[in-house]
């Protein structure tokens, strides 16, 4: 099972909805379960444990993004079948050490 995936910005699209913009990575090509970590340009995003339906998510998703951005955290979504998996990067918590 893959627990970590490294991608670039070219691998993602931007979802603009409800007054927010968030990167979306398509995870349907991998038959395994989605990874726990996604590394993008030196930033390690961790799965937050939160998912949203691809259809019917607008109000909840935009509020979720706004709340995290207000706290200084970055988000990206992994799209897998009919759900978005929310991944979070917190620059304040990033020490660069493992």
PDB file of N, CA and C in Angstrom:
ATOM      1  N   UNK A   1       0.840  -1.174   0.000  1.00  0.00           N
ATOM      2  CA  UNK A   1       0.000   0.000   0.000  1.00  0.00           C
ATOM      3  C   UNK A   1       0.893   1.247   0.000  1.00  0.00           C
ATOM      4  N   UNK A   2       0.590   2.187  -0.886  1.00  0.00           N
ATOM      5  CA  UNK A   2       1.326   3.441  -0.982  1.00  0.00           C
ATOM      6  C   UNK A   2       0.782   4.409   0.065  1.00  0.00           C
ATOM      7  N   UNK A   3       1.666   4.950   0.901  1.00  0.00           N
ATOM      8  CA  UNK A   3       1.217   5.894   1.923  1.00  0.00           C
ATOM      9  C   UNK A   3       1.613   7.322   1.592  1.00  0.00           C
ATOM     10  N   UNK A   4       2.464   7.488   0.554  1.00  0.00           N
ATOM     11  CA  UNK A   4       2.938   8.819   0.197  1.00  0.00           C
ATOM     12  C   UNK A   4       3.044   8.931  -1.320  1.00  0.00           C
ATOM     13  N   UNK A   5       2.723  10.108  -1.843  1.00  0.00           N
ATOM     14  CA  UNK A   5       2.750  10.357  -3.276  1.00  0.00           C
ATOM     15  C   UNK A   5       3.351  11.730  -3.503  1.00  0.00           C
ATOM     16  N   UNK A   6       4.277  11.842  -4.455  1.00  0.00           N
ATOM     17  CA  UNK A   6       4.872  13.135  -4.803  1.00  0.00           C
ATOM     18  C   UNK A   6       4.348  13.555  -6.166  1.00  0.00           C
ATOM     19  N   UNK A   7       3.843  14.785  -6.251  1.00  0.00           N
ATOM     20  CA  UNK A   7       3.287  15.313  -7.492  1.00  0.00           C
ATOM     21  C   UNK A   7       3.733  16.758  -7.674  1.00  0.00           C
ATOM     22  N   UNK A   8       3.486  17.294  -8.866  1.00  0.00           N
ATOM     23  CA  UNK A   8       3.759  18.695  -9.145  1.00  0.00           C
ATOM     24  C   UNK A   8       2.461  19.438  -9.405  1.00  0.00           C
ATOM     25  N   UNK A   9       2.562  20.743  -9.497  1.00  0.00           N
ATOM     26  CA  UNK A   9       1.366  21.542  -9.751  1.00  0.00           C
ATOM     27  C   UNK A   9       0.741  21.216 -11.105  1.00  0.00           C
ATOM     28  N   UNK A  10       1.550  20.760 -12.059  1.00  0.00           N
ATOM     29  CA  UNK A  10       1.032  20.391 -13.376  1.00  0.00           C
ATOM     30  C   UNK A  10       0.138  19.157 -13.327  1.00  0.00           C
ATOM     31  N   UNK A  11       0.203  18.399 -12.252  1.00  0.00           N
ATOM     32  CA  UNK A  11      -0.608  17.187 -12.097  1.00  0.00           C
ATOM     33  C   UNK A  11      -2.006  17.491 -11.555  1.00  0.00           C
ATOM     34  N   UNK A  12      -2.250  18.748 -11.209  1.00  0.00           N
ATOM     35  CA  UNK A  12      -3.514  19.115 -10.573  1.00  0.00           C
ATOM     36  C   UNK A  12      -4.280  20.134 -11.404  1.00  0.00           C
ATOM     37  N   UNK A  13      -5.563  20.257 -11.101  1.00  0.00           N
ATOM     38  CA  UNK A  13      -6.411  21.310 -11.659  1.00  0.00           C
ATOM     39  C   UNK A  13      -6.914  22.153 -10.498  1.00  0.00           C
ATOM     40  N   UNK A  14      -7.441  23.327 -10.806  1.00  0.00           N
ATOM     41  CA  UNK A  14      -7.973  24.208  -9.773  1.00  0.00           C
ATOM     42  C   UNK A  14      -9.496  24.165  -9.809  1.00  0.00           C
ATOM     43  N   UNK A  15     -10.082  23.913  -8.663  1.00  0.00           N
ATOM     44  CA  UNK A  15     -11.529  23.964  -8.503  1.00  0.00           C
ATOM     45  C   UNK A  15     -11.863  25.330  -7.918  1.00  0.00           C
ATOM     46  N   UNK A  16     -12.655  26.128  -8.653  1.00  0.00           N
ATOM     47  CA  UNK A  16     -13.096  27.443  -8.189  1.00  0.00           C
ATOM     48  C   UNK A  16     -14.586  27.369  -7.955  1.00  0.00           C
ATOM     49  N   UNK A  17     -14.950  27.489  -6.693  1.00  0.00           N
ATOM     50  CA  UNK A  17     -16.348  27.314  -6.353  1.00  0.00           C
ATOM     51  C   UNK A  17     -16.649  27.947  -5.003  1.00  0.00           C
ATOM     52  N   UNK A  18     -17.793  28.572  -4.874  1.00  0.00           N
ATOM     53  CA  UNK A  18     -18.200  29.133  -3.588  1.00  0.00           C
ATOM     54  C   UNK A  18     -17.248  30.206  -3.081  1.00  0.00           C
ATOM     55  N   UNK A  19     -16.570  30.906  -4.007  1.00  0.00           N
ATOM     56  CA  UNK A  19     -15.662  31.967  -3.601  1.00  0.00           C
ATOM     57  C   UNK A  19     -14.292  31.498  -3.147  1.00  0.00           C
ATOM     58  N   UNK A  20     -13.978  30.221  -3.327  1.00  0.00           N
ATOM     59  CA  UNK A  20     -12.653  29.704  -2.956  1.00  0.00           C
ATOM     60  C   UNK A  20     -12.048  28.965  -4.141  1.00  0.00           C
ATOM     61  N   UNK A  21     -10.724  28.894  -4.147  1.00  0.00           N
ATOM     62  CA  UNK A  21      -9.969  28.122  -5.131  1.00  0.00           C
ATOM     63  C   UNK A  21      -9.160  27.080  -4.381  1.00  0.00           C
ATOM     64  N   UNK A  22      -9.169  25.858  -4.886  1.00  0.00           N
ATOM     65  CA  UNK A  22      -8.409  24.793  -4.248  1.00  0.00           C
ATOM     66  C   UNK A  22      -7.898  23.837  -5.327  1.00  0.00           C
ATOM     67  N   UNK A  23      -6.659  23.362  -5.165  1.00  0.00           N
ATOM     68  CA  UNK A  23      -6.097  22.396  -6.099  1.00  0.00           C
ATOM     69  C   UNK A  23      -6.758  21.038  -5.902  1.00  0.00           C
ATOM     70  N   UNK A  24      -6.956  20.331  -7.030  1.00  0.00           N
ATOM     71  CA  UNK A  24      -7.550  18.991  -7.003  1.00  0.00           C
ATOM     72  C   UNK A  24      -6.637  18.044  -7.772  1.00  0.00           C
ATOM     73  N   UNK A  25      -6.311  16.928  -7.147  1.00  0.00           N
ATOM     74  CA  UNK A  25      -5.496  15.878  -7.751  1.00  0.00           C
ATOM     75  C   UNK A  25      -6.375  14.656  -7.986  1.00  0.00           C
ATOM     76  N   UNK A  26      -6.395  14.161  -9.217  1.00  0.00           N
ATOM     77  CA  UNK A  26      -7.179  12.976  -9.533  1.00  0.00           C
ATOM     78  C   UNK A  26      -6.430  11.742  -9.041  1.00  0.00           C
ATOM     79  N   UNK A  27      -7.061  10.977  -8.165  1.00  0.00           N
ATOM     80  CA  UNK A  27      -6.460   9.769  -7.588  1.00  0.00           C
ATOM     81  C   UNK A  27      -7.110   8.486  -8.102  1.00  0.00           C
ATOM     82  N   UNK A  28      -7.935   8.589  -9.154  1.00  0.00           N
ATOM     83  CA  UNK A  28      -8.648   7.418  -9.660  1.00  0.00           C
ATOM     84  C   UNK A  28      -7.750   6.415 -10.381  1.00  0.00           C
ATOM     85  N   UNK A  29      -6.598   6.833 -10.883  1.00  0.00           N
ATOM     86  CA  UNK A  29      -5.738   5.930 -11.647  1.00  0.00           C
ATOM     87  C   UNK A  29      -5.094   4.854 -10.779  1.00  0.00           C
ATOM     88  N   UNK A  30      -4.929   5.116  -9.489  1.00  0.00           N
ATOM     89  CA  UNK A  30      -4.283   4.174  -8.587  1.00  0.00           C
ATOM     90  C   UNK A  30      -5.322   3.226  -7.993  1.00  0.00           C
ATOM     91  N   UNK A  31      -5.143   1.916  -8.163  1.00  0.00           N
ATOM     92  CA  UNK A  31      -6.124   0.963  -7.619  1.00  0.00           C
ATOM     93  C   UNK A  31      -6.065   0.831  -6.092  1.00  0.00           C
ATOM     94  N   UNK A  32      -4.980   1.304  -5.492  1.00  0.00           N
ATOM     95  CA  UNK A  32      -4.822   1.230  -4.037  1.00  0.00           C
ATOM     96  C   UNK A  32      -5.699   2.286  -3.356  1.00  0.00           C
ATOM     97  N   UNK A  33      -5.737   2.236  -2.056  1.00  0.00           N
ATOM     98  CA  UNK A  33      -6.415   3.283  -1.296  1.00  0.00           C
ATOM     99  C   UNK A  33      -5.625   4.574  -1.444  1.00  0.00           C
ATOM    100  N   UNK A  34      -6.261   5.730  -1.324  1.00  0.00           N
ATOM    101  CA  UNK A  34      -5.525   6.994  -1.460  1.00  0.00           C
ATOM    102  C   UNK A  34      -4.394   7.096  -0.442  1.00  0.00           C
ATOM    103  N   UNK A  35      -3.320   7.796  -0.806  1.00  0.00           N
ATOM    104  CA  UNK A  35      -2.181   7.926   0.107  1.00  0.00           C
ATOM    105  C   UNK A  35      -2.526   8.798   1.307  1.00  0.00           C
ATOM    106  N   UNK A  36      -1.777   8.635   2.378  1.00  0.00           N
ATOM    107  CA  UNK A  36      -1.978   9.470   3.563  1.00  0.00           C
ATOM    108  C   UNK A  36      -1.299  10.825   3.379  1.00  0.00           C
ATOM    109  N   UNK A  37      -0.156  10.835   2.691  1.00  0.00           N
ATOM    110  CA  UNK A  37       0.595  12.071   2.442  1.00  0.00           C
ATOM    111  C   UNK A  37       0.693  12.332   0.947  1.00  0.00           C
ATOM    112  N   UNK A  38       0.601  13.606   0.578  1.00  0.00           N
ATOM    113  CA  UNK A  38       0.871  14.040  -0.791  1.00  0.00           C
ATOM    114  C   UNK A  38       1.889  15.166  -0.707  1.00  0.00           C
ATOM    115  N   UNK A  39       3.036  14.974  -1.347  1.00  0.00           N
ATOM    116  CA  UNK A  39       4.095  15.982  -1.370  1.00  0.00           C
ATOM    117  C   UNK A  39       3.982  16.803  -2.646  1.00  0.00           C
ATOM    118  N   UNK A  40       3.925  18.122  -2.484  1.00  0.00           N
ATOM    119  CA  UNK A  40       3.838  19.046  -3.611  1.00  0.00           C
ATOM    120  C   UNK A  40       4.864  20.152  -3.398  1.00  0.00           C
ATOM    121  N   UNK A  41       5.854  20.217  -4.270  1.00  0.00           N
ATOM    122  CA  UNK A  41       6.855  21.290  -4.231  1.00  0.00           C
ATOM    123  C   UNK A  41       7.448  21.486  -2.834  1.00  0.00           C
ATOM    124  N   UNK A  42       7.816  20.380  -2.193  1.00  0.00           N
ATOM    125  CA  UNK A  42       8.449  20.461  -0.879  1.00  0.00           C
ATOM    126  C   UNK A  42       7.488  20.627   0.289  1.00  0.00           C
ATOM    127  N   UNK A  43       6.211  20.624   0.017  1.00  0.00           N
ATOM    128  CA  UNK A  43       5.205  20.728   1.086  1.00  0.00           C
ATOM    129  C   UNK A  43       4.515  19.383   1.245  1.00  0.00           C
ATOM    130  N   UNK A  44       4.439  18.927   2.479  1.00  0.00           N
ATOM    131  CA  UNK A  44       3.828  17.624   2.756  1.00  0.00           C
ATOM    132  C   UNK A  44       2.415  17.824   3.291  1.00  0.00           C
ATOM    133  N   UNK A  45       1.445  17.479   2.465  1.00  0.00           N
ATOM    134  CA  UNK A  45       0.036  17.560   2.841  1.00  0.00           C
ATOM    135  C   UNK A  45      -0.376  16.223   3.448  1.00  0.00           C
ATOM    136  N   UNK A  46      -1.082  16.264   4.562  1.00  0.00           N
ATOM    137  CA  UNK A  46      -1.548  15.050   5.233  1.00  0.00           C
ATOM    138  C   UNK A  46      -3.065  14.955   5.115  1.00  0.00           C
ATOM    139  N   UNK A  47      -3.551  13.736   4.952  1.00  0.00           N
ATOM    140  CA  UNK A  47      -4.993  13.524   4.895  1.00  0.00           C
ATOM    141  C   UNK A  47      -5.610  13.969   6.214  1.00  0.00           C
ATOM    142  N   UNK A  48      -6.636  14.785   6.125  1.00  0.00           N
ATOM    143  CA  UNK A  48      -7.262  15.361   7.318  1.00  0.00           C
ATOM    144  C   UNK A  48      -8.302  14.445   7.952  1.00  0.00           C
ATOM    145  N   UNK A  49      -8.684  13.400   7.241  1.00  0.00           N
ATOM    146  CA  UNK A  49      -9.759  12.540   7.732  1.00  0.00           C
ATOM    147  C   UNK A  49     -11.129  13.017   7.293  1.00  0.00           C
ATOM    148  N   UNK A  50     -11.169  14.108   6.512  1.00  0.00           N
ATOM    149  CA  UNK A  50     -12.433  14.695   6.062  1.00  0.00           C
ATOM    150  C   UNK A  50     -12.601  14.424   4.573  1.00  0.00           C
ATOM    151  N   UNK A  51     -13.804  14.029   4.176  1.00  0.00           N
ATOM    152  CA  UNK A  51     -14.123  13.849   2.765  1.00  0.00           C
ATOM    153  C   UNK A  51     -15.410  14.594   2.450  1.00  0.00           C
ATOM    154  N   UNK A  52     -15.587  14.891   1.165  1.00  0.00           N
ATOM    155  CA  UNK A  52     -16.785  15.566   0.674  1.00  0.00           C
ATOM    156  C   UNK A  52     -17.270  14.842  -0.567  1.00  0.00           C
ATOM    157  N   UNK A  53     -18.567  14.807  -0.767  1.00  0.00           N
ATOM    158  CA  UNK A  53     -19.113  14.271  -2.001  1.00  0.00           C
ATOM    159  C   UNK A  53     -18.719  15.185  -3.148  1.00  0.00           C
ATOM    160  N   UNK A  54     -18.401  14.618  -4.303  1.00  0.00           N
ATOM    161  CA  UNK A  54     -18.061  15.430  -5.465  1.00  0.00           C
ATOM    162  C   UNK A  54     -19.271  16.257  -5.881  1.00  0.00           C
ATOM    163  N   UNK A  55     -20.434  15.681  -5.833  1.00  0.00           N
ATOM    164  CA  UNK A  55     -21.672  16.418  -6.142  1.00  0.00           C
ATOM    165  C   UNK A  55     -22.373  16.772  -4.832  1.00  0.00           C
ATOM    166  N   UNK A  56     -22.754  18.050  -4.699  1.00  0.00           N
ATOM    167  CA  UNK A  56     -23.486  18.479  -3.515  1.00  0.00           C
ATOM    168  C   UNK A  56     -22.601  18.897  -2.352  1.00  0.00           C
ATOM    169  N   UNK A  57     -21.392  19.341  -2.618  1.00  0.00           N
ATOM    170  CA  UNK A  57     -20.435  19.669  -1.568  1.00  0.00           C
ATOM    171  C   UNK A  57     -20.260  21.161  -1.330  1.00  0.00           C
ATOM    172  N   UNK A  58     -20.786  22.004  -2.181  1.00  0.00           N
ATOM    173  CA  UNK A  58     -20.422  23.425  -2.268  1.00  0.00           C
ATOM    174  C   UNK A  58     -20.313  24.152  -0.943  1.00  0.00           C
ATOM    175  N   UNK A  59     -21.379  24.252  -0.195  1.00  0.00           N
ATOM    176  CA  UNK A  59     -21.371  25.057   1.036  1.00  0.00           C
ATOM    177  C   UNK A  59     -20.385  24.499   2.063  1.00  0.00           C
ATOM    178  N   UNK A  60     -20.392  23.209   2.276  1.00  0.00           N
ATOM    179  CA  UNK A  60     -19.503  22.609   3.272  1.00  0.00           C
ATOM    180  C   UNK A  60     -18.040  22.720   2.873  1.00  0.00           C
ATOM    181  N   UNK A  61     -17.739  22.458   1.619  1.00  0.00           N
ATOM    182  CA  UNK A  61     -16.359  22.495   1.153  1.00  0.00           C
ATOM    183  C   UNK A  61     -15.792  23.905   1.214  1.00  0.00           C
ATOM    184  N   UNK A  62     -16.538  24.884   0.724  1.00  0.00           N
ATOM    185  CA  UNK A  62     -16.012  26.254   0.738  1.00  0.00           C
ATOM    186  C   UNK A  62     -15.805  26.756   2.164  1.00  0.00           C
ATOM    187  N   UNK A  63     -16.677  26.400   3.088  1.00  0.00           N
ATOM    188  CA  UNK A  63     -16.509  26.785   4.488  1.00  0.00           C
ATOM    189  C   UNK A  63     -15.269  26.116   5.086  1.00  0.00           C
ATOM    190  N   UNK A  64     -15.064  24.850   4.768  1.00  0.00           N
ATOM    191  CA  UNK A  64     -13.899  24.105   5.245  1.00  0.00           C
ATOM    192  C   UNK A  64     -12.611  24.769   4.761  1.00  0.00           C
ATOM    193  N   UNK A  65     -12.563  25.126   3.485  1.00  0.00           N
ATOM    194  CA  UNK A  65     -11.379  25.778   2.918  1.00  0.00           C
ATOM    195  C   UNK A  65     -11.150  27.127   3.592  1.00  0.00           C
ATOM    196  N   UNK A  66     -12.196  27.923   3.729  1.00  0.00           N
ATOM    197  CA  UNK A  66     -12.065  29.240   4.365  1.00  0.00           C
ATOM    198  C   UNK A  66     -11.528  29.134   5.794  1.00  0.00           C
ATOM    199  N   UNK A  67     -12.041  28.197   6.561  1.00  0.00           N
ATOM    200  CA  UNK A  67     -11.604  28.033   7.952  1.00  0.00           C
ATOM    201  C   UNK A  67     -10.114  27.694   8.027  1.00  0.00           C
ATOM    202  N   UNK A  68      -9.668  26.784   7.192  1.00  0.00           N
ATOM    203  CA  UNK A  68      -8.252  26.395   7.212  1.00  0.00           C
ATOM    204  C   UNK A  68      -7.358  27.525   6.711  1.00  0.00           C
ATOM    205  N   UNK A  69      -7.776  28.201   5.653  1.00  0.00           N
ATOM    206  CA  UNK A  69      -6.971  29.311   5.138  1.00  0.00           C
ATOM    207  C   UNK A  69      -6.886  30.445   6.154  1.00  0.00           C
ATOM    208  N   UNK A  70      -7.949  30.673   6.903  1.00  0.00           N
ATOM    209  CA  UNK A  70      -7.938  31.714   7.938  1.00  0.00           C
ATOM    210  C   UNK A  70      -6.917  31.396   9.027  1.00  0.00           C
ATOM    211  N   UNK A  71      -6.646  30.123   9.241  1.00  0.00           N
ATOM    212  CA  UNK A  71      -5.651  29.687  10.227  1.00  0.00           C
ATOM    213  C   UNK A  71      -4.258  29.551   9.621  1.00  0.00           C
ATOM    214  N   UNK A  72      -4.113  29.899   8.331  1.00  0.00           N
ATOM    215  CA  UNK A  72      -2.809  29.854   7.684  1.00  0.00           C
ATOM    216  C   UNK A  72      -2.431  28.515   7.088  1.00  0.00           C
ATOM    217  N   UNK A  73      -3.374  27.580   7.034  1.00  0.00           N
ATOM    218  CA  UNK A  73      -3.095  26.259   6.466  1.00  0.00           C
ATOM    219  C   UNK A  73      -3.479  26.222   4.990  1.00  0.00           C
ATOM    220  N   UNK A  74      -2.762  25.418   4.216  1.00  0.00           N
ATOM    221  CA  UNK A  74      -3.042  25.227   2.799  1.00  0.00           C
ATOM    222  C   UNK A  74      -3.772  23.905   2.617  1.00  0.00           C
ATOM    223  N   UNK A  75      -4.642  23.862   1.613  1.00  0.00           N
ATOM    224  CA  UNK A  75      -5.406  22.643   1.345  1.00  0.00           C
ATOM    225  C   UNK A  75      -5.268  22.203  -0.085  1.00  0.00           C
ATOM    226  N   UNK A  76      -5.425  20.917  -0.290  1.00  0.00           N
ATOM    227  CA  UNK A  76      -5.637  20.373  -1.622  1.00  0.00           C
ATOM    228  C   UNK A  76      -6.604  19.212  -1.473  1.00  0.00           C
ATOM    229  N   UNK A  77      -7.255  18.878  -2.566  1.00  0.00           N
ATOM    230  CA  UNK A  77      -8.226  17.795  -2.570  1.00  0.00           C
ATOM    231  C   UNK A  77      -7.730  16.672  -3.458  1.00  0.00           C
ATOM    232  N   UNK A  78      -7.905  15.459  -3.007  1.00  0.00           N
ATOM    233  CA  UNK A  78      -7.657  14.287  -3.835  1.00  0.00           C
ATOM    234  C   UNK A  78      -9.011  13.753  -4.259  1.00  0.00           C
ATOM    235  N   UNK A  79      -9.234  13.656  -5.559  1.00  0.00           N
ATOM    236  CA  UNK A  79     -10.523  13.160  -6.049  1.00  0.00           C
ATOM    237  C   UNK A  79     -10.430  11.675  -6.315  1.00  0.00           C
ATOM    238  N   UNK A  80     -11.304  10.939  -5.676  1.00  0.00           N
ATOM    239  CA  UNK A  80     -11.328   9.476  -5.798  1.00  0.00           C
ATOM    240  C   UNK A  80     -12.775   9.047  -5.945  1.00  0.00           C
ATOM    241  N   UNK A  81     -13.106   8.563  -7.128  1.00  0.00           N
ATOM    242  CA  UNK A  81     -14.471   8.153  -7.464  1.00  0.00           C
ATOM    243  C   UNK A  81     -15.458   9.283  -7.190  1.00  0.00           C
ATOM    244  N   UNK A  82     -16.310   9.155  -6.218  1.00  0.00           N
ATOM    245  CA  UNK A  82     -17.350  10.172  -5.982  1.00  0.00           C
ATOM    246  C   UNK A  82     -17.065  11.048  -4.763  1.00  0.00           C
ATOM    247  N   UNK A  83     -15.803  11.077  -4.310  1.00  0.00           N
ATOM    248  CA  UNK A  83     -15.472  11.851  -3.112  1.00  0.00           C
ATOM    249  C   UNK A  83     -14.208  12.676  -3.313  1.00  0.00           C
ATOM    250  N   UNK A  84     -14.154  13.788  -2.580  1.00  0.00           N
ATOM    251  CA  UNK A  84     -12.940  14.580  -2.448  1.00  0.00           C
ATOM    252  C   UNK A  84     -12.340  14.268  -1.080  1.00  0.00           C
ATOM    253  N   UNK A  85     -11.063  13.948  -1.046  1.00  0.00           N
ATOM    254  CA  UNK A  85     -10.336  13.714   0.193  1.00  0.00           C
ATOM    255  C   UNK A  85      -9.557  14.983   0.504  1.00  0.00           C
ATOM    256  N   UNK A  86      -9.752  15.568   1.672  1.00  0.00           N
ATOM    257  CA  UNK A  86      -9.102  16.831   2.032  1.00  0.00           C
ATOM    258  C   UNK A  86      -7.732  16.575   2.651  1.00  0.00           C
ATOM    259  N   UNK A  87      -6.718  17.216   2.071  1.00  0.00           N
ATOM    260  CA  UNK A  87      -5.342  17.140   2.554  1.00  0.00           C
ATOM    261  C   UNK A  87      -4.918  18.531   3.020  1.00  0.00           C
ATOM    262  N   UNK A  88      -4.203  18.598   4.147  1.00  0.00           N
ATOM    263  CA  UNK A  88      -3.843  19.868   4.759  1.00  0.00           C
ATOM    264  C   UNK A  88      -2.330  19.966   4.957  1.00  0.00           C
ATOM    265  N   UNK A  89      -1.802  21.154   4.675  1.00  0.00           N
ATOM    266  CA  UNK A  89      -0.405  21.474   4.972  1.00  0.00           C
ATOM    267  C   UNK A  89      -0.419  22.666   5.916  1.00  0.00           C
ATOM    268  N   UNK A  90       0.242  22.519   7.055  1.00  0.00           N
ATOM    269  CA  UNK A  90       0.313  23.594   8.039  1.00  0.00           C
ATOM    270  C   UNK A  90       1.750  24.088   8.098  1.00  0.00           C
ATOM    271  N   UNK A  91       2.035  25.264   7.494  1.00  0.00           N
ATOM    272  CA  UNK A  91       3.413  25.780   7.502  1.00  0.00           C
ATOM    273  C   UNK A  91       3.953  26.007   8.915  1.00  0.00           C
ATOM    274  N   UNK A  92       3.088  26.343   9.854  1.00  0.00           N
ATOM    275  CA  UNK A  92       3.530  26.581  11.246  1.00  0.00           C
ATOM    276  C   UNK A  92       3.997  25.282  11.898  1.00  0.00           C
ATOM    277  N   UNK A  93       3.472  24.157  11.468  1.00  0.00           N
ATOM    278  CA  UNK A  93       3.839  22.871  12.066  1.00  0.00           C
ATOM    279  C   UNK A  93       4.977  22.195  11.331  1.00  0.00           C
ATOM    280  N   UNK A  94       5.335  22.712  10.151  1.00  0.00           N
ATOM    281  CA  UNK A  94       6.373  22.097   9.333  1.00  0.00           C
ATOM    282  C   UNK A  94       7.750  22.460   9.850  1.00  0.00           C
ATOM    283  N   UNK A  95       8.450  21.479  10.360  1.00  0.00           N
ATOM    284  CA  UNK A  95       9.797  21.721  10.899  1.00  0.00           C
ATOM    285  C   UNK A  95      10.883  21.314   9.905  1.00  0.00           C
ATOM    286  N   UNK A  96      10.477  20.583   8.849  1.00  0.00           N
ATOM    287  CA  UNK A  96      11.457  20.109   7.878  1.00  0.00           C
ATOM    288  C   UNK A  96      12.193  18.873   8.347  1.00  0.00           C
ATOM    289  N   UNK A  97      11.876  18.371   9.550  1.00  0.00           N
ATOM    290  CA  UNK A  97      12.518  17.166  10.089  1.00  0.00           C
ATOM    291  C   UNK A  97      11.526  16.029  10.101  1.00  0.00           C
ATOM    292  N   UNK A  98      12.046  14.829  10.006  1.00  0.00           N
ATOM    293  CA  UNK A  98      11.180  13.651  10.075  1.00  0.00           C
ATOM    294  C   UNK A  98      11.482  12.866  11.308  1.00  0.00           C
TER     295      UNK A  98
END
